[in-house]
Amino acid sequence: VQLVESGGGLVQPGGSVRLDCAAIGFTVGSADMSWYRQAPGKEREWVAQIKGGGYKYFADSVKDRCNIDRDNAQNHVYLELNRQKSDDTAVYYCKLFRGGSEYWGRGTQVTVSS
C-alpha cells in the first residue's frame, strides 16, 4: 500500500486548492479514505473523510468550504478547499484505514499567503 499526495503550493487568501492522493496497492472505491493536516507547532487534525459507501464527513472548521471526492477509475482521492485563509496553512496528508491499520502518505504542503 502506498499513498502519494500532490497539489499543494502557495495559495492566495480567498483562493482554492485541490489536493490529489494517488493510491497504489488497493482500490479507493471500497476504502475509507481521509485527509488530515498539520500546521506548524500544532497536532495533526482530521479534515475530511469519504467512506467506502460514499458518505462524506467534514471537520467543522472546513465543512462549508470543502469537498472530498474520489475517482475510482484512476484510483485517486481528492480534497478541494475553497476560500482559503492563513489558518489553512499546513502539510496535508492522505490516510487509508483498513483492517485495523492506518496507512499514511508523506504529505503535501499548502501555504496560504499573499
PDB file of N, CA and C in Angstrom:
ATOM      1  N   VAL A   1       0.847  -1.197   0.000  1.00  0.00           N
ATOM      2  CA  VAL A   1       0.000   0.000   0.000  1.00  0.00           C
ATOM      3  C   VAL A   1       0.880   1.244   0.000  1.00  0.00           C
ATOM      4  N   GLN A   2       0.525   2.172  -0.880  1.00  0.00           N
ATOM      5  CA  GLN A   2       1.267   3.437  -0.937  1.00  0.00           C
ATOM      6  C   GLN A   2       0.303   4.560  -1.270  1.00  0.00           C
ATOM      7  N   LEU A   3       0.510   5.703  -0.602  1.00  0.00           N
ATOM      8  CA  LEU A   3      -0.290   6.894  -0.849  1.00  0.00           C
ATOM      9  C   LEU A   3       0.655   8.036  -1.192  1.00  0.00           C
ATOM     10  N   VAL A   4       0.361   8.739  -2.277  1.00  0.00           N
ATOM     11  CA  VAL A   4       1.226   9.829  -2.711  1.00  0.00           C
ATOM     12  C   VAL A   4       0.381  11.079  -2.912  1.00  0.00           C
ATOM     13  N   GLU A   5       0.629  12.095  -2.089  1.00  0.00           N
ATOM     14  CA  GLU A   5      -0.108  13.347  -2.193  1.00  0.00           C
ATOM     15  C   GLU A   5       0.601  14.323  -3.117  1.00  0.00           C
ATOM     16  N   SER A   6      -0.202  15.175  -3.747  1.00  0.00           N
ATOM     17  CA  SER A   6       0.329  16.247  -4.574  1.00  0.00           C
ATOM     18  C   SER A   6      -0.709  17.349  -4.660  1.00  0.00           C
ATOM     19  N   GLY A   7      -0.312  18.473  -5.271  1.00  0.00           N
ATOM     20  CA  GLY A   7      -1.263  19.554  -5.482  1.00  0.00           C
ATOM     21  C   GLY A   7      -1.117  20.727  -4.543  1.00  0.00           C
ATOM     22  N   GLY A   8      -0.228  20.627  -3.579  1.00  0.00           N
ATOM     23  CA  GLY A   8      -0.014  21.742  -2.661  1.00  0.00           C
ATOM     24  C   GLY A   8       0.784  22.847  -3.321  1.00  0.00           C
ATOM     25  N   GLY A   9       0.991  23.908  -2.546  1.00  0.00           N
ATOM     26  CA  GLY A   9       1.754  25.032  -3.043  1.00  0.00           C
ATOM     27  C   GLY A   9       1.334  26.305  -2.344  1.00  0.00           C
ATOM     28  N   LEU A  10       1.659  27.426  -2.975  1.00  0.00           N
ATOM     29  CA  LEU A  10       1.311  28.740  -2.429  1.00  0.00           C
ATOM     30  C   LEU A  10      -0.067  29.144  -2.943  1.00  0.00           C
ATOM     31  N   VAL A  11      -0.944  29.511  -2.033  1.00  0.00           N
ATOM     32  CA  VAL A  11      -2.309  29.884  -2.379  1.00  0.00           C
ATOM     33  C   VAL A  11      -2.598  31.274  -1.821  1.00  0.00           C
ATOM     34  N   GLN A  12      -3.236  32.088  -2.611  1.00  0.00           N
ATOM     35  CA  GLN A  12      -3.646  33.417  -2.155  1.00  0.00           C
ATOM     36  C   GLN A  12      -4.802  33.287  -1.166  1.00  0.00           C
ATOM     37  N   PRO A  13      -4.865  34.144  -0.165  1.00  0.00           N
ATOM     38  CA  PRO A  13      -6.042  34.151   0.707  1.00  0.00           C
ATOM     39  C   PRO A  13      -7.315  34.314  -0.115  1.00  0.00           C
ATOM     40  N   GLY A  14      -8.311  33.502   0.222  1.00  0.00           N
ATOM     41  CA  GLY A  14      -9.544  33.525  -0.545  1.00  0.00           C
ATOM     42  C   GLY A  14      -9.548  32.589  -1.732  1.00  0.00           C
ATOM     43  N   GLY A  15      -8.400  32.026  -2.051  1.00  0.00           N
ATOM     44  CA  GLY A  15      -8.296  31.131  -3.198  1.00  0.00           C
ATOM     45  C   GLY A  15      -8.668  29.698  -2.868  1.00  0.00           C
ATOM     46  N   SER A  16      -8.458  28.822  -3.851  1.00  0.00           N
ATOM     47  CA  SER A  16      -8.824  27.411  -3.713  1.00  0.00           C
ATOM     48  C   SER A  16      -7.630  26.528  -4.017  1.00  0.00           C
ATOM     49  N   VAL A  17      -7.691  25.327  -3.480  1.00  0.00           N
ATOM     50  CA  VAL A  17      -6.660  24.336  -3.766  1.00  0.00           C
ATOM     51  C   VAL A  17      -7.341  22.988  -3.919  1.00  0.00           C
ATOM     52  N   ARG A  18      -6.802  22.182  -4.812  1.00  0.00           N
ATOM     53  CA  ARG A  18      -7.310  20.820  -4.999  1.00  0.00           C
ATOM     54  C   ARG A  18      -6.149  19.864  -4.817  1.00  0.00           C
ATOM     55  N   LEU A  19      -6.203  19.097  -3.767  1.00  0.00           N
ATOM     56  CA  LEU A  19      -5.133  18.164  -3.445  1.00  0.00           C
ATOM     57  C   LEU A  19      -5.479  16.784  -3.981  1.00  0.00           C
ATOM     58  N   ASP A  20      -4.457  16.072  -4.343  1.00  0.00           N
ATOM     59  CA  ASP A  20      -4.604  14.771  -5.005  1.00  0.00           C
ATOM     60  C   ASP A  20      -3.868  13.711  -4.199  1.00  0.00           C
ATOM     61  N   CYS A  21      -4.531  12.592  -3.963  1.00  0.00           N
ATOM     62  CA  CYS A  21      -3.911  11.454  -3.304  1.00  0.00           C
ATOM     63  C   CYS A  21      -3.991  10.266  -4.251  1.00  0.00           C
ATOM     64  N   ALA A  22      -2.852   9.849  -4.745  1.00  0.00           N
ATOM     65  CA  ALA A  22      -2.791   8.691  -5.625  1.00  0.00           C
ATOM     66  C   ALA A  22      -2.586   7.435  -4.786  1.00  0.00           C
ATOM     67  N   ALA A  23      -3.434   6.445  -5.005  1.00  0.00           N
ATOM     68  CA  ALA A  23      -3.388   5.217  -4.216  1.00  0.00           C
ATOM     69  C   ALA A  23      -2.778   4.087  -5.034  1.00  0.00           C
ATOM     70  N   ILE A  24      -1.890   3.359  -4.411  1.00  0.00           N
ATOM     71  CA  ILE A  24      -1.216   2.238  -5.063  1.00  0.00           C
ATOM     72  C   ILE A  24      -1.333   1.026  -4.163  1.00  0.00           C
ATOM     73  N   GLY A  25      -1.766  -0.089  -4.742  1.00  0.00           N
ATOM     74  CA  GLY A  25      -1.813  -1.325  -3.980  1.00  0.00           C
ATOM     75  C   GLY A  25      -3.167  -1.683  -3.410  1.00  0.00           C
ATOM     76  N   PHE A  26      -4.169  -0.828  -3.631  1.00  0.00           N
ATOM     77  CA  PHE A  26      -5.518  -1.124  -3.182  1.00  0.00           C
ATOM     78  C   PHE A  26      -6.482  -0.260  -3.989  1.00  0.00           C
ATOM     79  N   THR A  27      -7.779  -0.504  -3.810  1.00  0.00           N
ATOM     80  CA  THR A  27      -8.805   0.210  -4.576  1.00  0.00           C
ATOM     81  C   THR A  27      -9.506   1.222  -3.689  1.00  0.00           C
ATOM     82  N   VAL A  28      -9.452   2.490  -4.077  1.00  0.00           N
ATOM     83  CA  VAL A  28     -10.042   3.531  -3.240  1.00  0.00           C
ATOM     84  C   VAL A  28     -11.555   3.431  -3.190  1.00  0.00           C
ATOM     85  N   GLY A  29     -12.152   2.839  -4.207  1.00  0.00           N
ATOM     86  CA  GLY A  29     -13.602   2.781  -4.278  1.00  0.00           C
ATOM     87  C   GLY A  29     -14.247   2.040  -3.123  1.00  0.00           C
ATOM     88  N   SER A  30     -13.530   1.141  -2.491  1.00  0.00           N
ATOM     89  CA  SER A  30     -14.083   0.364  -1.386  1.00  0.00           C
ATOM     90  C   SER A  30     -13.430   0.697  -0.050  1.00  0.00           C
ATOM     91  N   ALA A  31     -12.680   1.763  -0.022  1.00  0.00           N
ATOM     92  CA  ALA A  31     -11.879   2.079   1.164  1.00  0.00           C
ATOM     93  C   ALA A  31     -12.403   3.307   1.893  1.00  0.00           C
ATOM     94  N   ASP A  32     -12.121   3.368   3.184  1.00  0.00           N
ATOM     95  CA  ASP A  32     -12.374   4.563   3.980  1.00  0.00           C
ATOM     96  C   ASP A  32     -11.132   5.439   3.908  1.00  0.00           C
ATOM     97  N   MET A  33     -11.266   6.573   3.220  1.00  0.00           N
ATOM     98  CA  MET A  33     -10.130   7.454   2.982  1.00  0.00           C
ATOM     99  C   MET A  33     -10.342   8.783   3.688  1.00  0.00           C
ATOM    100  N   SER A  34      -9.268   9.322   4.245  1.00  0.00           N
ATOM    101  CA  SER A  34      -9.354  10.580   4.972  1.00  0.00           C
ATOM    102  C   SER A  34      -8.228  11.511   4.575  1.00  0.00           C
ATOM    103  N   TRP A  35      -8.474  12.780   4.831  1.00  0.00           N
ATOM    104  CA  TRP A  35      -7.433  13.802   4.749  1.00  0.00           C
ATOM    105  C   TRP A  35      -7.247  14.395   6.147  1.00  0.00           C
ATOM    106  N   TYR A  36      -5.991  14.600   6.491  1.00  0.00           N
ATOM    107  CA  TYR A  36      -5.607  15.257   7.722  1.00  0.00           C
ATOM    108  C   TYR A  36      -4.679  16.415   7.359  1.00  0.00           C
ATOM    109  N   ARG A  37      -4.433  17.268   8.334  1.00  0.00           N
ATOM    110  CA  ARG A  37      -3.456  18.332   8.129  1.00  0.00           C
ATOM    111  C   ARG A  37      -2.737  18.632   9.440  1.00  0.00           C
ATOM    112  N   GLN A  38      -1.520  19.143   9.297  1.00  0.00           N
ATOM    113  CA  GLN A  38      -0.737  19.517  10.470  1.00  0.00           C
ATOM    114  C   GLN A  38      -0.086  20.864  10.220  1.00  0.00           C
ATOM    115  N   ALA A  39      -0.504  21.844  11.013  1.00  0.00           N
ATOM    116  CA  ALA A  39       0.058  23.183  10.923  1.00  0.00           C
ATOM    117  C   ALA A  39       1.317  23.266  11.780  1.00  0.00           C
ATOM    118  N   PRO A  40       2.179  24.218  11.492  1.00  0.00           N
ATOM    119  CA  PRO A  40       3.416  24.361  12.273  1.00  0.00           C
ATOM    120  C   PRO A  40       3.122  24.526  13.763  1.00  0.00           C
ATOM    121  N   GLY A  41       3.749  23.702  14.580  1.00  0.00           N
ATOM    122  CA  GLY A  41       3.593  23.801  16.021  1.00  0.00           C
ATOM    123  C   GLY A  41       2.305  23.236  16.564  1.00  0.00           C
ATOM    124  N   LYS A  42       1.504  22.597  15.710  1.00  0.00           N
ATOM    125  CA  LYS A  42       0.217  22.056  16.148  1.00  0.00           C
ATOM    126  C   LYS A  42       0.142  20.565  15.887  1.00  0.00           C
ATOM    127  N   GLU A  43      -0.826  19.914  16.539  1.00  0.00           N
ATOM    128  CA  GLU A  43      -1.030  18.498  16.316  1.00  0.00           C
ATOM    129  C   GLU A  43      -1.749  18.265  14.984  1.00  0.00           C
ATOM    130  N   ARG A  44      -1.566  17.073  14.478  1.00  0.00           N
ATOM    131  CA  ARG A  44      -2.262  16.711  13.247  1.00  0.00           C
ATOM    132  C   ARG A  44      -3.758  16.645  13.528  1.00  0.00           C
ATOM    133  N   GLU A  45      -4.555  17.196  12.610  1.00  0.00           N
ATOM    134  CA  GLU A  45      -6.003  17.197  12.795  1.00  0.00           C
ATOM    135  C   GLU A  45      -6.712  16.629  11.577  1.00  0.00           C
ATOM    136  N   TRP A  46      -7.822  16.003  11.831  1.00  0.00           N
ATOM    137  CA  TRP A  46      -8.638  15.433  10.771  1.00  0.00           C
ATOM    138  C   TRP A  46      -9.378  16.537  10.025  1.00  0.00           C
ATOM    139  N   VAL A  47      -9.487  16.398   8.701  1.00  0.00           N
ATOM    140  CA  VAL A  47     -10.150  17.395   7.860  1.00  0.00           C
ATOM    141  C   VAL A  47     -11.423  16.834   7.226  1.00  0.00           C
ATOM    142  N   ALA A  48     -11.315  15.675   6.589  1.00  0.00           N
ATOM    143  CA  ALA A  48     -12.465  15.138   5.864  1.00  0.00           C
ATOM    144  C   ALA A  48     -12.286  13.638   5.652  1.00  0.00           C
ATOM    145  N   GLN A  49     -13.422  12.960   5.434  1.00  0.00           N
ATOM    146  CA  GLN A  49     -13.400  11.532   5.179  1.00  0.00           C
ATOM    147  C   GLN A  49     -14.444  11.174   4.138  1.00  0.00           C
ATOM    148  N   ILE A  50     -14.094  10.217   3.289  1.00  0.00           N
ATOM    149  CA  ILE A  50     -15.069   9.607   2.402  1.00  0.00           C
ATOM    150  C   ILE A  50     -15.044   8.112   2.684  1.00  0.00           C
ATOM    151  N   LYS A  51     -16.222   7.561   3.030  1.00  0.00           N
ATOM    152  CA  LYS A  51     -16.322   6.155   3.373  1.00  0.00           C
ATOM    153  C   LYS A  51     -16.411   5.309   2.107  1.00  0.00           C
ATOM    154  N   GLY A  52     -16.203   4.031   2.267  1.00  0.00           N
ATOM    155  CA  GLY A  52     -16.313   3.136   1.130  1.00  0.00           C
ATOM    156  C   GLY A  52     -17.684   3.198   0.471  1.00  0.00           C
ATOM    157  N   GLY A  53     -18.717   3.457   1.276  1.00  0.00           N
ATOM    158  CA  GLY A  53     -20.065   3.558   0.732  1.00  0.00           C
ATOM    159  C   GLY A  53     -20.384   4.905   0.130  1.00  0.00           C
ATOM    160  N   GLY A  54     -19.447   5.840   0.207  1.00  0.00           N
ATOM    161  CA  GLY A  54     -19.634   7.133  -0.434  1.00  0.00           C
ATOM    162  C   GLY A  54     -20.016   8.270   0.496  1.00  0.00           C
ATOM    163  N   TYR A  55     -20.344   7.960   1.744  1.00  0.00           N
ATOM    164  CA  TYR A  55     -20.698   9.034   2.664  1.00  0.00           C
ATOM    165  C   TYR A  55     -19.471   9.903   2.948  1.00  0.00           C
ATOM    166  N   LYS A  56     -19.743  11.207   3.123  1.00  0.00           N
ATOM    167  CA  LYS A  56     -18.672  12.164   3.333  1.00  0.00           C
ATOM    168  C   LYS A  56     -18.865  12.872   4.668  1.00  0.00           C
ATOM    169  N   TYR A  57     -17.753  13.142   5.331  1.00  0.00           N
ATOM    170  CA  TYR A  57     -17.778  13.834   6.612  1.00  0.00           C
ATOM    171  C   TYR A  57     -16.683  14.892   6.609  1.00  0.00           C
ATOM    172  N   PHE A  58     -16.992  16.009   7.293  1.00  0.00           N
ATOM    173  CA  PHE A  58     -16.061  17.137   7.289  1.00  0.00           C
ATOM    174  C   PHE A  58     -15.896  17.695   8.692  1.00  0.00           C
ATOM    175  N   ALA A  59     -14.703  18.194   8.976  1.00  0.00           N
ATOM    176  CA  ALA A  59     -14.465  18.910  10.226  1.00  0.00           C
ATOM    177  C   ALA A  59     -15.247  20.215  10.213  1.00  0.00           C
ATOM    178  N   ASP A  60     -15.671  20.662  11.390  1.00  0.00           N
ATOM    179  CA  ASP A  60     -16.447  21.898  11.475  1.00  0.00           C
ATOM    180  C   ASP A  60     -15.704  23.086  10.887  1.00  0.00           C
ATOM    181  N   SER A  61     -14.384  23.066  10.997  1.00  0.00           N
ATOM    182  CA  SER A  61     -13.585  24.215  10.542  1.00  0.00           C
ATOM    183  C   SER A  61     -13.584  24.374   9.028  1.00  0.00           C
ATOM    184  N   VAL A  62     -14.003  23.339   8.294  1.00  0.00           N
ATOM    185  CA  VAL A  62     -13.940  23.408   6.827  1.00  0.00           C
ATOM    186  C   VAL A  62     -15.236  23.008   6.138  1.00  0.00           C
ATOM    187  N   LYS A  63     -16.252  22.574   6.862  1.00  0.00           N
ATOM    188  CA  LYS A  63     -17.379  21.883   6.250  1.00  0.00           C
ATOM    189  C   LYS A  63     -18.157  22.716   5.243  1.00  0.00           C
ATOM    190  N   ASP A  64     -18.124  24.048   5.363  1.00  0.00           N
ATOM    191  CA  ASP A  64     -18.879  24.880   4.424  1.00  0.00           C
ATOM    192  C   ASP A  64     -18.050  25.320   3.225  1.00  0.00           C
ATOM    193  N   ARG A  65     -16.824  24.825   3.110  1.00  0.00           N
ATOM    194  CA  ARG A  65     -15.958  25.255   2.003  1.00  0.00           C
ATOM    195  C   ARG A  65     -15.031  24.142   1.522  1.00  0.00           C
ATOM    196  N   CYS A  66     -15.436  22.919   1.756  1.00  0.00           N
ATOM    197  CA  CYS A  66     -14.561  21.794   1.479  1.00  0.00           C
ATOM    198  C   CYS A  66     -15.345  20.677   0.795  1.00  0.00           C
ATOM    199  N   ASN A  67     -14.648  19.947  -0.067  1.00  0.00           N
ATOM    200  CA  ASN A  67     -15.245  18.736  -0.625  1.00  0.00           C
ATOM    201  C   ASN A  67     -14.175  17.653  -0.737  1.00  0.00           C
ATOM    202  N   ILE A  68     -14.588  16.418  -0.548  1.00  0.00           N
ATOM    203  CA  ILE A  68     -13.722  15.265  -0.744  1.00  0.00           C
ATOM    204  C   ILE A  68     -14.394  14.372  -1.767  1.00  0.00           C
ATOM    205  N   ASP A  69     -13.607  13.865  -2.674  1.00  0.00           N
ATOM    206  CA  ASP A  69     -14.169  13.033  -3.737  1.00  0.00           C
ATOM    207  C   ASP A  69     -13.127  12.015  -4.181  1.00  0.00           C
ATOM    208  N   ARG A  70     -13.547  11.074  -5.020  1.00  0.00           N
ATOM    209  CA  ARG A  70     -12.605  10.065  -5.494  1.00  0.00           C
ATOM    210  C   ARG A  70     -12.919   9.712  -6.942  1.00  0.00           C
ATOM    211  N   ASP A  71     -11.910   9.246  -7.603  1.00  0.00           N
ATOM    212  CA  ASP A  71     -12.011   8.776  -8.975  1.00  0.00           C
ATOM    213  C   ASP A  71     -11.640   7.300  -8.943  1.00  0.00           C
ATOM    214  N   ASN A  72     -12.641   6.453  -8.989  1.00  0.00           N
ATOM    215  CA  ASN A  72     -12.380   5.017  -8.866  1.00  0.00           C
ATOM    216  C   ASN A  72     -11.574   4.475 -10.050  1.00  0.00           C
ATOM    217  N   ALA A  73     -11.807   5.034 -11.217  1.00  0.00           N
ATOM    218  CA  ALA A  73     -11.103   4.546 -12.400  1.00  0.00           C
ATOM    219  C   ALA A  73      -9.607   4.859 -12.324  1.00  0.00           C
ATOM    220  N   GLN A  74      -9.287   6.073 -11.838  1.00  0.00           N
ATOM    221  CA  GLN A  74      -7.886   6.483 -11.746  1.00  0.00           C
ATOM    222  C   GLN A  74      -7.271   6.118 -10.403  1.00  0.00           C
ATOM    223  N   ASN A  75      -8.130   5.735  -9.444  1.00  0.00           N
ATOM    224  CA  ASN A  75      -7.677   5.351  -8.108  1.00  0.00           C
ATOM    225  C   ASN A  75      -7.039   6.520  -7.350  1.00  0.00           C
ATOM    226  N   HIS A  76      -7.753   7.649  -7.367  1.00  0.00           N
ATOM    227  CA  HIS A  76      -7.295   8.838  -6.678  1.00  0.00           C
ATOM    228  C   HIS A  76      -8.396   9.331  -5.753  1.00  0.00           C
ATOM    229  N   VAL A  77      -7.955  10.020  -4.708  1.00  0.00           N
ATOM    230  CA  VAL A  77      -8.866  10.714  -3.812  1.00  0.00           C
ATOM    231  C   VAL A  77      -8.458  12.185  -3.806  1.00  0.00           C
ATOM    232  N   TYR A  78      -9.453  13.070  -3.819  1.00  0.00           N
ATOM    233  CA  TYR A  78      -9.181  14.495  -3.923  1.00  0.00           C
ATOM    234  C   TYR A  78      -9.763  15.242  -2.730  1.00  0.00           C
ATOM    235  N   LEU A  79      -9.095  16.324  -2.379  1.00  0.00           N
ATOM    236  CA  LEU A  79      -9.616  17.248  -1.375  1.00  0.00           C
ATOM    237  C   LEU A  79      -9.597  18.642  -1.986  1.00  0.00           C
ATOM    238  N   GLU A  80     -10.742  19.266  -2.021  1.00  0.00           N
ATOM    239  CA  GLU A  80     -10.837  20.643  -2.511  1.00  0.00           C
ATOM    240  C   GLU A  80     -11.190  21.543  -1.342  1.00  0.00           C
ATOM    241  N   LEU A  81     -10.404  22.594  -1.171  1.00  0.00           N
ATOM    242  CA  LEU A  81     -10.630  23.535  -0.081  1.00  0.00           C
ATOM    243  C   LEU A  81     -10.689  24.933  -0.661  1.00  0.00           C
ATOM    244  N   ASN A  82     -11.817  25.596  -0.441  1.00  0.00           N
ATOM    245  CA  ASN A  82     -12.072  26.911  -1.016  1.00  0.00           C
ATOM    246  C   ASN A  82     -11.982  27.999   0.050  1.00  0.00           C
ATOM    247  N   ARG A  83     -11.997  29.234  -0.421  1.00  0.00           N
ATOM    248  CA  ARG A  83     -11.958  30.411   0.475  1.00  0.00           C
ATOM    249  C   ARG A  83     -10.868  30.236   1.532  1.00  0.00           C
ATOM    250  N   GLN A  84      -9.683  29.967   1.040  1.00  0.00           N
ATOM    251  CA  GLN A  84      -8.559  29.659   1.916  1.00  0.00           C
ATOM    252  C   GLN A  84      -8.180  30.857   2.782  1.00  0.00           C
ATOM    253  N   LYS A  85      -7.729  30.551   3.994  1.00  0.00           N
ATOM    254  CA  LYS A  85      -7.245  31.570   4.901  1.00  0.00           C
ATOM    255  C   LYS A  85      -5.947  31.090   5.542  1.00  0.00           C
ATOM    256  N   SER A  86      -5.313  31.965   6.273  1.00  0.00           N
ATOM    257  CA  SER A  86      -3.988  31.655   6.800  1.00  0.00           C
ATOM    258  C   SER A  86      -3.992  30.424   7.705  1.00  0.00           C
ATOM    259  N   ASP A  87      -5.099  30.188   8.395  1.00  0.00           N
ATOM    260  CA  ASP A  87      -5.199  29.017   9.281  1.00  0.00           C
ATOM    261  C   ASP A  87      -5.161  27.702   8.511  1.00  0.00           C
ATOM    262  N   ASP A  88      -5.351  27.757   7.210  1.00  0.00           N
ATOM    263  CA  ASP A  88      -5.313  26.537   6.400  1.00  0.00           C
ATOM    264  C   ASP A  88      -3.889  26.136   6.030  1.00  0.00           C
ATOM    265  N   THR A  89      -2.927  26.991   6.332  1.00  0.00           N
ATOM    266  CA  THR A  89      -1.533  26.640   6.054  1.00  0.00           C
ATOM    267  C   THR A  89      -1.125  25.424   6.873  1.00  0.00           C
ATOM    268  N   ALA A  90      -0.693  24.371   6.168  1.00  0.00           N
ATOM    269  CA  ALA A  90      -0.377  23.119   6.847  1.00  0.00           C
ATOM    270  C   ALA A  90       0.186  22.131   5.824  1.00  0.00           C
ATOM    271  N   VAL A  91       0.713  21.036   6.343  1.00  0.00           N
ATOM    272  CA  VAL A  91       1.010  19.885   5.498  1.00  0.00           C
ATOM    273  C   VAL A  91      -0.236  18.998   5.520  1.00  0.00           C
ATOM    274  N   TYR A  92      -0.713  18.642   4.337  1.00  0.00           N
ATOM    275  CA  TYR A  92      -1.933  17.850   4.206  1.00  0.00           C
ATOM    276  C   TYR A  92      -1.566  16.409   3.870  1.00  0.00           C
ATOM    277  N   TYR A  93      -2.183  15.482   4.614  1.00  0.00           N
ATOM    278  CA  TYR A  93      -1.885  14.065   4.482  1.00  0.00           C
ATOM    279  C   TYR A  93      -3.131  13.273   4.106  1.00  0.00           C
ATOM    280  N   CYS A  94      -2.919  12.263   3.323  1.00  0.00           N
ATOM    281  CA  CYS A  94      -3.951  11.315   2.946  1.00  0.00           C
ATOM    282  C   CYS A  94      -3.779  10.063   3.803  1.00  0.00           C
ATOM    283  N   LYS A  95      -4.881   9.480   4.251  1.00  0.00           N
ATOM    284  CA  LYS A  95      -4.816   8.308   5.102  1.00  0.00           C
ATOM    285  C   LYS A  95      -5.826   7.262   4.682  1.00  0.00           C
ATOM    286  N   LEU A  96      -5.372   6.013   4.695  1.00  0.00           N
ATOM    287  CA  LEU A  96      -6.241   4.854   4.485  1.00  0.00           C
ATOM    288  C   LEU A  96      -6.363   4.127   5.815  1.00  0.00           C
ATOM    289  N   PHE A  97      -7.590   3.771   6.171  1.00  0.00           N
ATOM    290  CA  PHE A  97      -7.814   2.909   7.332  1.00  0.00           C
ATOM    291  C   PHE A  97      -8.408   1.601   6.827  1.00  0.00           C
ATOM    292  N   ARG A  98      -7.698   0.518   7.082  1.00  0.00           N
ATOM    293  CA  ARG A  98      -8.160  -0.769   6.579  1.00  0.00           C
ATOM    294  C   ARG A  98      -7.648  -1.886   7.458  1.00  0.00           C
ATOM    295  N   GLY A  99      -8.545  -2.778   7.826  1.00  0.00           N
ATOM    296  CA  GLY A  99      -8.145  -3.954   8.589  1.00  0.00           C
ATOM    297  C   GLY A  99      -7.469  -3.629   9.901  1.00  0.00           C
ATOM    298  N   GLY A 100      -7.876  -2.530  10.512  1.00  0.00           N
ATOM    299  CA  GLY A 100      -7.303  -2.144  11.790  1.00  0.00           C
ATOM    300  C   GLY A 100      -5.977  -1.429  11.694  1.00  0.00           C
ATOM    301  N   SER A 101      -5.513  -1.178  10.468  1.00  0.00           N
ATOM    302  CA  SER A 101      -4.226  -0.497  10.286  1.00  0.00           C
ATOM    303  C   SER A 101      -4.431   0.825   9.567  1.00  0.00           C
ATOM    304  N   GLU A 102      -3.500   1.724   9.813  1.00  0.00           N
ATOM    305  CA  GLU A 102      -3.504   3.022   9.151  1.00  0.00           C
ATOM    306  C   GLU A 102      -2.311   3.122   8.212  1.00  0.00           C
ATOM    307  N   TYR A 103      -2.561   3.726   7.065  1.00  0.00           N
ATOM    308  CA  TYR A 103      -1.514   3.959   6.082  1.00  0.00           C
ATOM    309  C   TYR A 103      -1.541   5.435   5.719  1.00  0.00           C
ATOM    310  N   TRP A 104      -0.349   6.052   5.760  1.00  0.00           N
ATOM    311  CA  TRP A 104      -0.251   7.486   5.526  1.00  0.00           C
ATOM    312  C   TRP A 104       0.661   7.783   4.345  1.00  0.00           C
ATOM    313  N   GLY A 105       0.338   8.879   3.661  1.00  0.00           N
ATOM    314  CA  GLY A 105       1.260   9.408   2.686  1.00  0.00           C
ATOM    315  C   GLY A 105       2.261  10.326   3.369  1.00  0.00           C
ATOM    316  N   ARG A 106       3.138  10.924   2.574  1.00  0.00           N
ATOM    317  CA  ARG A 106       4.168  11.802   3.122  1.00  0.00           C
ATOM    318  C   ARG A 106       3.718  13.251   3.217  1.00  0.00           C
ATOM    319  N   GLY A 107       2.587  13.558   2.604  1.00  0.00           N
ATOM    320  CA  GLY A 107       2.028  14.887   2.734  1.00  0.00           C
ATOM    321  C   GLY A 107       2.412  15.833   1.620  1.00  0.00           C
ATOM    322  N   THR A 108       1.604  16.894   1.515  1.00  0.00           N
ATOM    323  CA  THR A 108       1.875  17.968   0.572  1.00  0.00           C
ATOM    324  C   THR A 108       1.626  19.298   1.283  1.00  0.00           C
ATOM    325  N   GLN A 109       2.539  20.229   1.109  1.00  0.00           N
ATOM    326  CA  GLN A 109       2.477  21.495   1.831  1.00  0.00           C
ATOM    327  C   GLN A 109       1.555  22.478   1.129  1.00  0.00           C
ATOM    328  N   VAL A 110       0.667  23.092   1.900  1.00  0.00           N
ATOM    329  CA  VAL A 110      -0.169  24.183   1.416  1.00  0.00           C
ATOM    330  C   VAL A 110       0.152  25.417   2.259  1.00  0.00           C
ATOM    331  N   THR A 111       0.513  26.494   1.596  1.00  0.00           N
ATOM    332  CA  THR A 111       0.819  27.745   2.278  1.00  0.00           C
ATOM    333  C   THR A 111      -0.110  28.824   1.757  1.00  0.00           C
ATOM    334  N   VAL A 112      -0.867  29.409   2.652  1.00  0.00           N
ATOM    335  CA  VAL A 112      -1.801  30.465   2.277  1.00  0.00           C
ATOM    336  C   VAL A 112      -1.171  31.806   2.647  1.00  0.00           C
ATOM    337  N   SER A 113      -0.847  32.569   1.627  1.00  0.00           N
ATOM    338  CA  SER A 113      -0.159  33.835   1.860  1.00  0.00           C
ATOM    339  C   SER A 113      -0.285  34.726   0.640  1.00  0.00           C
ATOM    340  N   SER A 114      -0.296  36.023   0.885  1.00  0.00           N
ATOM    341  CA  SER A 114      -0.316  36.976  -0.227  1.00  0.00           C
ATOM    342  C   SER A 114       1.102  37.423  -0.559  1.00  0.00           C
TER     343      SER A 114
END
